[in-house]
């Protein structure tokens, strides 16, 4: 959903308000699900205390949010998602993740 949100807010050649709103709301819903999941049992990573392919798949979609622009960022306050914020910081500190981030344009 984050990719579709990014498309309608950043790349779509025409303004499509229904697309912007639908994917913004759906992404917020999914962030709420993830926030709750991470809070339950105070998980370090998606599956638990071990870094897995699930983290490799999910982390980039969370981290890319600022790239979509301020109107999108304003809709995702860190106070609402403290466990996601901590998760992004924790995964982003991993040396292999830092190395991988050097090859992406989303820095």
N, C-alpha and C. Protein backbone atom coordinates (compact mmCIF):
# COMPACT_ATOMS: atom_id res chain seq x y z
N UNK A 1 0.81 -1.20 0.00
CA UNK A 1 0.00 0.00 0.00
C UNK A 1 0.85 1.26 0.00
N UNK A 2 2.00 1.18 0.67
CA UNK A 2 2.87 2.35 0.73
C UNK A 2 3.36 2.75 -0.67
N UNK A 3 3.61 1.77 -1.51
CA UNK A 3 4.03 2.07 -2.87
C UNK A 3 2.95 2.79 -3.66
N UNK A 4 1.71 2.34 -3.51
CA UNK A 4 0.60 3.01 -4.19
C UNK A 4 0.41 4.42 -3.63
N UNK A 5 0.55 4.56 -2.31
CA UNK A 5 0.44 5.88 -1.71
C UNK A 5 1.51 6.80 -2.30
N UNK A 6 2.72 6.30 -2.40
CA UNK A 6 3.80 7.09 -2.97
C UNK A 6 3.53 7.46 -4.42
N UNK A 7 2.98 6.53 -5.17
CA UNK A 7 2.66 6.83 -6.57
C UNK A 7 1.68 7.99 -6.68
N UNK A 8 0.58 7.91 -5.96
CA UNK A 8 -0.45 8.95 -6.09
C UNK A 8 -0.02 10.29 -5.51
N UNK A 9 0.87 10.27 -4.52
CA UNK A 9 1.30 11.52 -3.90
C UNK A 9 2.53 12.13 -4.56
N UNK A 10 3.34 11.33 -5.25
CA UNK A 10 4.59 11.85 -5.78
C UNK A 10 4.73 11.71 -7.30
N UNK A 11 4.28 10.62 -7.86
CA UNK A 11 4.59 10.32 -9.26
C UNK A 11 3.43 10.45 -10.25
N UNK A 12 2.21 10.32 -9.78
CA UNK A 12 1.06 10.34 -10.70
C UNK A 12 1.04 11.65 -11.49
N UNK A 13 0.96 11.57 -12.82
CA UNK A 13 1.01 12.78 -13.63
C UNK A 13 -0.23 13.66 -13.50
N UNK A 14 -1.31 13.12 -12.98
CA UNK A 14 -2.51 13.92 -12.74
C UNK A 14 -2.90 13.79 -11.27
N UNK A 15 -3.59 14.78 -10.76
CA UNK A 15 -4.04 14.74 -9.37
C UNK A 15 -5.27 13.83 -9.28
N UNK A 16 -5.16 12.79 -8.49
CA UNK A 16 -6.25 11.83 -8.31
C UNK A 16 -6.57 11.77 -6.82
N UNK A 17 -7.41 12.69 -6.33
CA UNK A 17 -7.68 12.76 -4.89
C UNK A 17 -8.18 11.44 -4.29
N UNK A 18 -9.01 10.71 -5.02
CA UNK A 18 -9.53 9.45 -4.47
C UNK A 18 -8.40 8.44 -4.29
N UNK A 19 -7.44 8.41 -5.19
CA UNK A 19 -6.29 7.52 -5.05
C UNK A 19 -5.41 7.94 -3.88
N UNK A 20 -5.17 9.23 -3.76
CA UNK A 20 -4.37 9.74 -2.65
C UNK A 20 -4.99 9.37 -1.31
N UNK A 21 -6.28 9.63 -1.19
CA UNK A 21 -6.96 9.38 0.09
C UNK A 21 -7.05 7.88 0.39
N UNK A 22 -7.41 7.09 -0.59
CA UNK A 22 -7.57 5.66 -0.35
C UNK A 22 -6.27 5.02 0.13
N UNK A 23 -5.17 5.30 -0.56
CA UNK A 23 -3.92 4.64 -0.19
C UNK A 23 -3.27 5.26 1.04
N UNK A 24 -3.53 6.52 1.29
CA UNK A 24 -3.08 7.11 2.55
C UNK A 24 -3.77 6.44 3.72
N UNK A 25 -5.09 6.32 3.65
CA UNK A 25 -5.87 5.68 4.73
C UNK A 25 -5.48 4.22 4.91
N UNK A 26 -5.28 3.51 3.82
CA UNK A 26 -4.93 2.10 3.92
C UNK A 26 -3.52 1.93 4.51
N UNK A 27 -2.61 2.79 4.13
CA UNK A 27 -1.26 2.74 4.70
C UNK A 27 -1.30 3.06 6.19
N UNK A 28 -2.10 4.05 6.58
CA UNK A 28 -2.25 4.36 8.01
C UNK A 28 -2.84 3.16 8.76
N UNK A 29 -3.80 2.49 8.16
CA UNK A 29 -4.39 1.32 8.80
C UNK A 29 -3.33 0.24 9.01
N UNK A 30 -2.53 0.00 7.99
CA UNK A 30 -1.49 -1.02 8.09
C UNK A 30 -0.40 -0.63 9.09
N UNK A 31 -0.08 0.64 9.15
CA UNK A 31 0.87 1.09 10.17
C UNK A 31 0.29 0.84 11.56
N UNK A 32 -1.00 1.03 11.73
CA UNK A 32 -1.65 0.74 13.01
C UNK A 32 -1.55 -0.73 13.38
N UNK A 33 -1.76 -1.59 12.40
CA UNK A 33 -1.63 -3.03 12.63
C UNK A 33 -0.20 -3.37 13.03
N UNK A 34 0.77 -2.82 12.32
CA UNK A 34 2.17 -3.10 12.63
C UNK A 34 2.56 -2.53 13.99
N UNK A 35 2.10 -1.34 14.30
CA UNK A 35 2.39 -0.74 15.61
C UNK A 35 1.89 -1.65 16.73
N UNK A 36 0.68 -2.14 16.59
CA UNK A 36 0.11 -3.04 17.60
C UNK A 36 0.92 -4.34 17.69
N UNK A 37 1.28 -4.88 16.54
CA UNK A 37 2.06 -6.12 16.51
C UNK A 37 3.41 -5.96 17.22
N UNK A 38 4.10 -4.87 16.92
CA UNK A 38 5.41 -4.64 17.54
C UNK A 38 5.29 -4.40 19.04
N UNK A 39 4.18 -3.79 19.45
CA UNK A 39 3.97 -3.49 20.87
C UNK A 39 3.67 -4.74 21.69
N UNK A 40 3.01 -5.71 21.07
CA UNK A 40 2.65 -6.95 21.78
C UNK A 40 3.91 -7.75 22.08
N UNK A 41 4.22 -7.88 23.33
CA UNK A 41 5.42 -8.61 23.71
C UNK A 41 6.69 -7.82 23.47
N UNK A 42 6.54 -6.56 23.11
CA UNK A 42 7.68 -5.67 22.88
C UNK A 42 8.70 -6.32 21.94
N UNK A 43 8.23 -6.69 20.75
CA UNK A 43 9.07 -7.37 19.76
C UNK A 43 10.20 -6.46 19.27
N UNK A 44 11.36 -7.05 19.11
CA UNK A 44 12.51 -6.33 18.57
C UNK A 44 12.41 -6.24 17.05
N UNK A 45 11.96 -7.33 16.44
CA UNK A 45 11.80 -7.40 14.99
C UNK A 45 10.41 -7.94 14.67
N UNK A 46 10.08 -8.07 13.41
CA UNK A 46 8.73 -8.47 13.00
C UNK A 46 8.34 -9.83 13.58
N UNK A 47 9.24 -10.79 13.55
CA UNK A 47 8.92 -12.14 14.02
C UNK A 47 9.20 -12.30 15.52
N UNK A 48 10.04 -11.49 16.06
CA UNK A 48 10.40 -11.60 17.49
C UNK A 48 11.74 -10.94 17.73
N UNK A 49 12.68 -11.69 18.27
CA UNK A 49 14.00 -11.13 18.58
C UNK A 49 15.04 -11.38 17.50
N UNK A 50 14.67 -12.08 16.45
CA UNK A 50 15.61 -12.38 15.37
C UNK A 50 15.27 -11.58 14.11
N UNK A 51 16.28 -11.04 13.47
CA UNK A 51 16.14 -10.32 12.20
C UNK A 51 15.93 -11.36 11.10
N UNK A 52 14.85 -11.21 10.32
CA UNK A 52 14.51 -12.18 9.29
C UNK A 52 14.21 -11.49 7.96
N UNK A 53 13.89 -12.28 6.98
CA UNK A 53 13.53 -11.74 5.67
C UNK A 53 12.28 -10.87 5.76
N UNK A 54 11.43 -11.11 6.73
CA UNK A 54 10.26 -10.25 6.92
C UNK A 54 10.69 -8.81 7.19
N UNK A 55 11.72 -8.64 7.99
CA UNK A 55 12.24 -7.30 8.28
C UNK A 55 12.86 -6.68 7.03
N UNK A 56 13.55 -7.51 6.26
CA UNK A 56 14.17 -7.01 5.03
C UNK A 56 13.12 -6.52 4.04
N UNK A 57 11.96 -7.15 4.05
CA UNK A 57 10.89 -6.77 3.13
C UNK A 57 10.11 -5.56 3.62
N UNK A 58 9.89 -5.45 4.91
CA UNK A 58 9.03 -4.40 5.46
C UNK A 58 9.78 -3.09 5.70
N UNK A 59 11.00 -3.16 6.20
CA UNK A 59 11.76 -1.97 6.56
C UNK A 59 11.83 -0.90 5.46
N UNK A 60 12.16 -1.26 4.21
CA UNK A 60 12.27 -0.21 3.19
C UNK A 60 10.98 0.58 2.98
N UNK A 61 9.83 -0.08 3.10
CA UNK A 61 8.56 0.61 2.90
C UNK A 61 8.25 1.57 4.03
N UNK A 62 8.75 1.29 5.21
CA UNK A 62 8.57 2.20 6.33
C UNK A 62 9.54 3.37 6.21
N UNK A 63 10.75 3.07 5.86
CA UNK A 63 11.80 4.07 5.83
C UNK A 63 11.63 5.09 4.69
N UNK A 64 11.00 4.70 3.62
CA UNK A 64 10.89 5.57 2.44
C UNK A 64 9.84 6.68 2.62
N UNK A 65 9.06 6.63 3.66
CA UNK A 65 7.97 7.58 3.86
C UNK A 65 8.37 9.04 3.62
N UNK A 66 9.47 9.56 4.18
CA UNK A 66 9.81 10.97 3.96
C UNK A 66 10.03 11.33 2.50
N UNK A 67 10.40 10.36 1.69
CA UNK A 67 10.63 10.61 0.27
C UNK A 67 9.34 11.03 -0.45
N UNK A 68 8.19 10.67 0.10
CA UNK A 68 6.91 10.98 -0.54
C UNK A 68 6.48 12.43 -0.33
N UNK A 69 7.18 13.16 0.52
CA UNK A 69 6.91 14.57 0.69
C UNK A 69 6.19 14.92 1.98
N UNK A 70 6.27 16.19 2.32
CA UNK A 70 5.73 16.69 3.59
C UNK A 70 4.24 16.44 3.78
N UNK A 71 3.39 16.59 2.75
CA UNK A 71 1.96 16.32 2.98
C UNK A 71 1.70 14.89 3.46
N UNK A 72 2.50 13.94 3.02
CA UNK A 72 2.36 12.56 3.47
C UNK A 72 2.95 12.41 4.87
N UNK A 73 4.15 12.94 5.06
CA UNK A 73 4.83 12.81 6.36
C UNK A 73 3.97 13.37 7.49
N UNK A 74 3.28 14.47 7.23
CA UNK A 74 2.43 15.09 8.25
C UNK A 74 1.33 14.15 8.75
N UNK A 75 0.97 13.17 7.97
CA UNK A 75 -0.10 12.23 8.34
C UNK A 75 0.40 11.08 9.21
N UNK A 76 1.71 10.98 9.40
CA UNK A 76 2.31 9.87 10.16
C UNK A 76 3.17 10.45 11.28
N UNK A 77 2.55 10.75 12.40
CA UNK A 77 3.26 11.33 13.55
C UNK A 77 3.92 10.23 14.38
N UNK A 78 5.18 10.43 14.72
CA UNK A 78 5.90 9.40 15.48
C UNK A 78 5.28 9.14 16.84
N UNK A 79 4.60 10.12 17.42
CA UNK A 79 3.94 9.89 18.71
C UNK A 79 2.88 8.80 18.60
N UNK A 80 2.29 8.68 17.43
CA UNK A 80 1.27 7.66 17.19
C UNK A 80 1.90 6.28 16.95
N UNK A 81 3.13 6.27 16.48
CA UNK A 81 3.78 5.02 16.10
C UNK A 81 5.15 4.87 16.78
N UNK A 82 5.22 4.90 18.10
CA UNK A 82 6.53 4.83 18.77
C UNK A 82 7.26 3.51 18.55
N UNK A 83 6.53 2.42 18.44
CA UNK A 83 7.19 1.12 18.22
C UNK A 83 7.73 1.01 16.80
N UNK A 84 7.02 1.58 15.84
CA UNK A 84 7.53 1.59 14.47
C UNK A 84 8.76 2.47 14.38
N UNK A 85 8.74 3.62 15.03
CA UNK A 85 9.90 4.52 15.03
C UNK A 85 11.12 3.80 15.61
N UNK A 86 10.93 3.14 16.75
CA UNK A 86 12.04 2.40 17.37
C UNK A 86 12.52 1.27 16.46
N UNK A 87 11.59 0.62 15.80
CA UNK A 87 11.92 -0.47 14.87
C UNK A 87 12.76 0.06 13.70
N UNK A 88 12.33 1.17 13.10
CA UNK A 88 13.08 1.76 11.99
C UNK A 88 14.49 2.12 12.44
N UNK A 89 14.61 2.73 13.60
CA UNK A 89 15.93 3.10 14.12
C UNK A 89 16.79 1.86 14.36
N UNK A 90 16.20 0.85 14.97
CA UNK A 90 16.93 -0.39 15.30
C UNK A 90 17.43 -1.10 14.04
N UNK A 91 16.54 -1.28 13.08
CA UNK A 91 16.94 -1.95 11.83
C UNK A 91 17.96 -1.10 11.08
N UNK A 92 17.74 0.21 11.07
CA UNK A 92 18.66 1.10 10.37
C UNK A 92 20.06 1.14 10.94
N UNK A 93 20.23 0.70 12.17
CA UNK A 93 21.55 0.66 12.80
C UNK A 93 22.36 -0.57 12.40
N UNK A 94 21.72 -1.54 11.81
CA UNK A 94 22.43 -2.78 11.43
C UNK A 94 23.46 -2.46 10.34
N UNK A 95 24.70 -2.91 10.51
CA UNK A 95 25.74 -2.61 9.52
C UNK A 95 25.38 -3.03 8.09
N UNK A 96 24.79 -4.19 7.92
CA UNK A 96 24.43 -4.63 6.57
C UNK A 96 23.34 -3.74 5.97
N UNK A 97 22.42 -3.28 6.79
CA UNK A 97 21.37 -2.37 6.31
C UNK A 97 22.00 -1.04 5.91
N UNK A 98 22.89 -0.53 6.73
CA UNK A 98 23.57 0.73 6.40
C UNK A 98 24.33 0.61 5.08
N UNK A 99 24.99 -0.51 4.88
CA UNK A 99 25.70 -0.73 3.62
C UNK A 99 24.72 -0.77 2.45
N UNK A 100 23.61 -1.47 2.62
CA UNK A 100 22.61 -1.55 1.57
C UNK A 100 22.00 -0.20 1.22
N UNK A 101 21.88 0.66 2.21
CA UNK A 101 21.28 1.98 1.97
C UNK A 101 22.18 2.88 1.12
N UNK A 102 23.44 2.51 0.97
CA UNK A 102 24.33 3.33 0.14
C UNK A 102 24.07 3.14 -1.35
N UNK A 103 23.30 2.13 -1.72
CA UNK A 103 23.05 1.87 -3.14
C UNK A 103 21.64 2.25 -3.56
N UNK A 104 20.90 2.91 -2.70
CA UNK A 104 19.53 3.29 -3.03
C UNK A 104 19.42 4.80 -3.21
N UNK A 105 18.55 5.26 -4.09
CA UNK A 105 18.36 6.70 -4.24
C UNK A 105 17.53 7.32 -3.12
N UNK A 106 17.01 6.51 -2.22
CA UNK A 106 16.12 7.01 -1.17
C UNK A 106 16.87 7.40 0.09
N UNK A 107 17.99 8.08 -0.06
CA UNK A 107 18.76 8.56 1.09
C UNK A 107 18.77 10.06 1.12
